[in-house]
Amino acid sequence: MSSVFILTKPPGSPRAELCLRMLGGNFRLYLLGDGVYNILTGRLGGVAGDVFAFTQDLRERGVSPAGIKEIDDYSVMVDDIMSAESVFAF
């Protein structure tokens, strides 16, 4: 695994736009909080890496995972962060 991205910003945010532009190669993207709204833009459908969203954040915001891997346990993300070459948080 090379990179982990953590996105908490909603679509249209300059930080969210920067995060989505940086995606490339072998990566994992975790959508947290308002970051799950990025699923609604359709921009995540064509990315080559793994994209995850937390069940609770999806449920609280009424967003359907729409092909995104849904997870319940933060330890999955922590393990990825610990083994990543680089971690980016937005």
N, C-alpha and C. Protein backbone atom coordinates (compact mmCIF):
# COMPACT_ATOMS: atom_id res chain seq x y z
N MET A 1 0.86 -1.18 0.00
CA MET A 1 0.00 0.00 0.00
C MET A 1 0.89 1.22 0.00
N SER A 2 0.54 2.20 -0.79
CA SER A 2 1.39 3.39 -0.84
C SER A 2 0.79 4.59 -0.13
N SER A 3 -0.46 4.93 -0.40
CA SER A 3 -1.04 6.15 0.17
C SER A 3 -2.43 5.93 0.74
N VAL A 4 -2.69 6.64 1.83
CA VAL A 4 -4.03 6.67 2.42
C VAL A 4 -4.49 8.11 2.41
N PHE A 5 -5.70 8.34 1.94
CA PHE A 5 -6.32 9.65 1.92
C PHE A 5 -7.52 9.63 2.85
N ILE A 6 -7.66 10.66 3.67
CA ILE A 6 -8.80 10.79 4.57
C ILE A 6 -9.50 12.09 4.18
N LEU A 7 -10.74 11.97 3.73
CA LEU A 7 -11.49 13.14 3.25
C LEU A 7 -12.70 13.39 4.13
N THR A 8 -12.70 14.55 4.78
CA THR A 8 -13.82 14.94 5.65
C THR A 8 -14.58 16.14 5.10
N LYS A 9 -14.11 16.70 4.00
CA LYS A 9 -14.71 17.91 3.44
C LYS A 9 -15.77 17.57 2.39
N PRO A 10 -16.83 18.39 2.29
CA PRO A 10 -17.89 18.13 1.31
C PRO A 10 -17.46 18.52 -0.10
N PRO A 11 -18.20 18.06 -1.11
CA PRO A 11 -17.90 18.44 -2.49
C PRO A 11 -17.90 19.97 -2.65
N GLY A 12 -17.05 20.45 -3.53
CA GLY A 12 -16.96 21.88 -3.77
C GLY A 12 -15.97 22.58 -2.86
N SER A 13 -15.61 21.95 -1.77
CA SER A 13 -14.60 22.51 -0.89
C SER A 13 -13.25 22.48 -1.59
N PRO A 14 -12.44 23.53 -1.49
CA PRO A 14 -11.12 23.50 -2.10
C PRO A 14 -10.28 22.31 -1.64
N ARG A 15 -10.41 21.93 -0.37
CA ARG A 15 -9.65 20.78 0.16
C ARG A 15 -10.14 19.47 -0.47
N ALA A 16 -11.45 19.34 -0.66
CA ALA A 16 -11.98 18.13 -1.29
C ALA A 16 -11.51 18.05 -2.74
N GLU A 17 -11.53 19.16 -3.44
CA GLU A 17 -11.07 19.18 -4.83
C GLU A 17 -9.60 18.79 -4.93
N LEU A 18 -8.78 19.32 -4.03
CA LEU A 18 -7.36 18.98 -4.01
C LEU A 18 -7.16 17.49 -3.75
N CYS A 19 -7.88 16.95 -2.79
CA CYS A 19 -7.78 15.53 -2.47
C CYS A 19 -8.11 14.68 -3.69
N LEU A 20 -9.21 14.97 -4.35
CA LEU A 20 -9.63 14.16 -5.49
C LEU A 20 -8.66 14.28 -6.66
N ARG A 21 -8.02 15.42 -6.82
CA ARG A 21 -7.01 15.58 -7.88
C ARG A 21 -5.74 14.79 -7.57
N MET A 22 -5.44 14.59 -6.30
CA MET A 22 -4.22 13.89 -5.90
C MET A 22 -4.33 12.38 -6.01
N LEU A 23 -5.53 11.85 -6.10
CA LEU A 23 -5.70 10.39 -6.13
C LEU A 23 -5.02 9.81 -7.36
N GLY A 24 -4.24 8.78 -7.13
CA GLY A 24 -3.57 8.11 -8.23
C GLY A 24 -2.70 6.99 -7.69
N GLY A 25 -2.41 6.05 -8.54
CA GLY A 25 -1.59 4.93 -8.12
C GLY A 25 -2.33 4.02 -7.16
N ASN A 26 -1.60 3.43 -6.27
CA ASN A 26 -2.16 2.50 -5.29
C ASN A 26 -2.55 3.30 -4.05
N PHE A 27 -3.84 3.47 -3.83
CA PHE A 27 -4.29 4.26 -2.69
C PHE A 27 -5.56 3.68 -2.08
N ARG A 28 -5.84 4.16 -0.87
CA ARG A 28 -7.11 3.91 -0.20
C ARG A 28 -7.65 5.26 0.24
N LEU A 29 -8.91 5.50 -0.06
CA LEU A 29 -9.57 6.75 0.31
C LEU A 29 -10.65 6.43 1.34
N TYR A 30 -10.58 7.12 2.48
CA TYR A 30 -11.60 6.98 3.52
C TYR A 30 -12.42 8.25 3.57
N LEU A 31 -13.73 8.10 3.43
CA LEU A 31 -14.67 9.23 3.51
C LEU A 31 -15.26 9.26 4.91
N LEU A 32 -15.04 10.36 5.60
CA LEU A 32 -15.52 10.52 6.97
C LEU A 32 -16.38 11.77 7.07
N GLY A 33 -17.33 11.78 7.99
CA GLY A 33 -18.15 12.97 8.21
C GLY A 33 -18.78 13.45 6.92
N ASP A 34 -18.66 14.76 6.66
CA ASP A 34 -19.25 15.35 5.45
C ASP A 34 -18.56 14.88 4.17
N GLY A 35 -17.43 14.21 4.29
CA GLY A 35 -16.75 13.68 3.12
C GLY A 35 -17.58 12.64 2.37
N VAL A 36 -18.54 12.00 3.05
CA VAL A 36 -19.38 11.01 2.37
C VAL A 36 -20.25 11.64 1.29
N TYR A 37 -20.48 12.96 1.38
CA TYR A 37 -21.27 13.62 0.33
C TYR A 37 -20.58 13.58 -1.02
N ASN A 38 -19.27 13.32 -1.06
CA ASN A 38 -18.55 13.21 -2.32
C ASN A 38 -19.02 12.01 -3.13
N ILE A 39 -19.66 11.05 -2.50
CA ILE A 39 -20.23 9.91 -3.22
C ILE A 39 -21.30 10.40 -4.19
N LEU A 40 -22.04 11.42 -3.80
CA LEU A 40 -23.15 11.91 -4.60
C LEU A 40 -22.71 12.61 -5.89
N THR A 41 -21.45 13.00 -5.99
CA THR A 41 -20.97 13.71 -7.18
C THR A 41 -20.72 12.77 -8.36
N GLY A 42 -20.55 11.48 -8.09
CA GLY A 42 -20.25 10.53 -9.15
C GLY A 42 -18.79 10.50 -9.55
N ARG A 43 -17.97 11.35 -8.97
CA ARG A 43 -16.55 11.42 -9.34
C ARG A 43 -15.73 10.25 -8.80
N LEU A 44 -16.27 9.51 -7.86
CA LEU A 44 -15.51 8.42 -7.26
C LEU A 44 -15.68 7.10 -8.02
N GLY A 45 -16.61 7.06 -8.95
CA GLY A 45 -16.87 5.84 -9.69
C GLY A 45 -15.72 5.39 -10.58
N GLY A 46 -14.92 6.32 -11.04
CA GLY A 46 -13.85 5.97 -11.96
C GLY A 46 -12.46 5.89 -11.35
N VAL A 47 -12.37 6.01 -10.02
CA VAL A 47 -11.05 5.97 -9.41
C VAL A 47 -10.52 4.54 -9.35
N ALA A 48 -9.20 4.41 -9.42
CA ALA A 48 -8.57 3.10 -9.49
C ALA A 48 -8.28 2.48 -8.12
N GLY A 49 -8.32 3.24 -7.06
CA GLY A 49 -8.01 2.72 -5.74
C GLY A 49 -9.24 2.23 -5.01
N ASP A 50 -9.04 1.91 -3.74
CA ASP A 50 -10.13 1.45 -2.88
C ASP A 50 -10.74 2.65 -2.16
N VAL A 51 -12.07 2.72 -2.15
CA VAL A 51 -12.76 3.81 -1.48
C VAL A 51 -13.68 3.22 -0.42
N PHE A 52 -13.58 3.78 0.79
CA PHE A 52 -14.35 3.30 1.92
C PHE A 52 -15.13 4.44 2.55
N ALA A 53 -16.29 4.13 3.09
CA ALA A 53 -17.07 5.10 3.86
C ALA A 53 -17.60 4.39 5.11
N PHE A 54 -17.68 5.12 6.19
CA PHE A 54 -18.15 4.53 7.44
C PHE A 54 -19.67 4.53 7.51
N THR A 55 -20.20 3.39 7.88
CA THR A 55 -21.65 3.17 7.94
C THR A 55 -22.36 4.26 8.72
N GLN A 56 -21.85 4.62 9.88
CA GLN A 56 -22.51 5.62 10.71
C GLN A 56 -22.57 6.97 10.01
N ASP A 57 -21.50 7.38 9.34
CA ASP A 57 -21.51 8.67 8.63
C ASP A 57 -22.50 8.65 7.47
N LEU A 58 -22.57 7.53 6.76
CA LEU A 58 -23.53 7.40 5.67
C LEU A 58 -24.96 7.50 6.20
N ARG A 59 -25.24 6.77 7.26
CA ARG A 59 -26.58 6.73 7.83
C ARG A 59 -27.00 8.10 8.37
N GLU A 60 -26.10 8.77 9.08
CA GLU A 60 -26.44 10.08 9.66
C GLU A 60 -26.75 11.12 8.60
N ARG A 61 -26.17 10.96 7.41
CA ARG A 61 -26.36 11.95 6.35
C ARG A 61 -27.30 11.49 5.25
N GLY A 62 -27.82 10.28 5.39
CA GLY A 62 -28.78 9.76 4.42
C GLY A 62 -28.19 9.51 3.05
N VAL A 63 -26.92 9.13 3.01
CA VAL A 63 -26.23 8.88 1.74
C VAL A 63 -26.12 7.38 1.51
N SER A 64 -26.45 6.94 0.31
CA SER A 64 -26.30 5.53 -0.06
C SER A 64 -24.86 5.29 -0.51
N PRO A 65 -24.27 4.16 -0.12
CA PRO A 65 -22.88 3.92 -0.47
C PRO A 65 -22.61 3.77 -1.97
N ALA A 66 -23.59 3.41 -2.77
CA ALA A 66 -23.49 3.38 -4.24
C ALA A 66 -22.17 2.82 -4.76
N GLY A 67 -21.86 1.60 -4.39
CA GLY A 67 -20.66 0.95 -4.90
C GLY A 67 -19.41 1.19 -4.07
N ILE A 68 -19.49 2.04 -3.08
CA ILE A 68 -18.37 2.31 -2.19
C ILE A 68 -18.38 1.25 -1.09
N LYS A 69 -17.19 0.81 -0.67
CA LYS A 69 -17.11 -0.19 0.40
C LYS A 69 -17.49 0.45 1.72
N GLU A 70 -18.46 -0.13 2.36
CA GLU A 70 -18.97 0.38 3.63
C GLU A 70 -18.31 -0.39 4.77
N ILE A 71 -17.77 0.32 5.77
CA ILE A 71 -17.13 -0.34 6.90
C ILE A 71 -17.65 0.25 8.21
N ASP A 72 -17.57 -0.57 9.26
CA ASP A 72 -18.06 -0.17 10.57
C ASP A 72 -16.96 0.05 11.60
N ASP A 73 -15.76 -0.40 11.29
CA ASP A 73 -14.70 -0.47 12.29
C ASP A 73 -13.54 0.46 11.92
N TYR A 74 -13.26 1.42 12.77
CA TYR A 74 -12.17 2.36 12.52
C TYR A 74 -10.80 1.68 12.54
N SER A 75 -10.70 0.51 13.13
CA SER A 75 -9.40 -0.17 13.19
C SER A 75 -8.89 -0.54 11.80
N VAL A 76 -9.79 -0.72 10.84
CA VAL A 76 -9.38 -0.99 9.46
C VAL A 76 -8.59 0.20 8.93
N MET A 77 -9.10 1.39 9.15
CA MET A 77 -8.43 2.60 8.70
C MET A 77 -7.10 2.80 9.44
N VAL A 78 -7.10 2.57 10.73
CA VAL A 78 -5.88 2.74 11.53
C VAL A 78 -4.79 1.79 11.04
N ASP A 79 -5.14 0.55 10.77
CA ASP A 79 -4.16 -0.41 10.25
C ASP A 79 -3.58 0.06 8.91
N ASP A 80 -4.44 0.59 8.04
CA ASP A 80 -3.97 1.11 6.76
C ASP A 80 -3.03 2.30 6.94
N ILE A 81 -3.38 3.18 7.85
CA ILE A 81 -2.54 4.35 8.11
C ILE A 81 -1.16 3.92 8.61
N MET A 82 -1.14 2.94 9.48
CA MET A 82 0.12 2.48 10.05
C MET A 82 1.03 1.81 9.02
N SER A 83 0.46 1.23 7.99
CA SER A 83 1.26 0.53 6.99
C SER A 83 1.49 1.35 5.72
N ALA A 84 0.93 2.54 5.64
CA ALA A 84 1.03 3.38 4.43
C ALA A 84 2.38 4.06 4.35
N GLU A 85 2.80 4.31 3.12
CA GLU A 85 4.01 5.10 2.88
C GLU A 85 3.73 6.57 3.13
N SER A 86 2.51 7.01 2.81
CA SER A 86 2.14 8.40 3.04
C SER A 86 0.65 8.49 3.37
N VAL A 87 0.32 9.48 4.19
CA VAL A 87 -1.06 9.70 4.62
C VAL A 87 -1.40 11.17 4.41
N PHE A 88 -2.55 11.42 3.78
CA PHE A 88 -3.00 12.77 3.51
C PHE A 88 -4.39 12.94 4.11
N ALA A 89 -4.59 14.02 4.86
CA ALA A 89 -5.89 14.27 5.48
C ALA A 89 -6.44 15.60 4.99
N PHE A 90 -7.68 15.58 4.56
CA PHE A 90 -8.35 16.77 4.03
C PHE A 90 -9.66 16.97 4.75
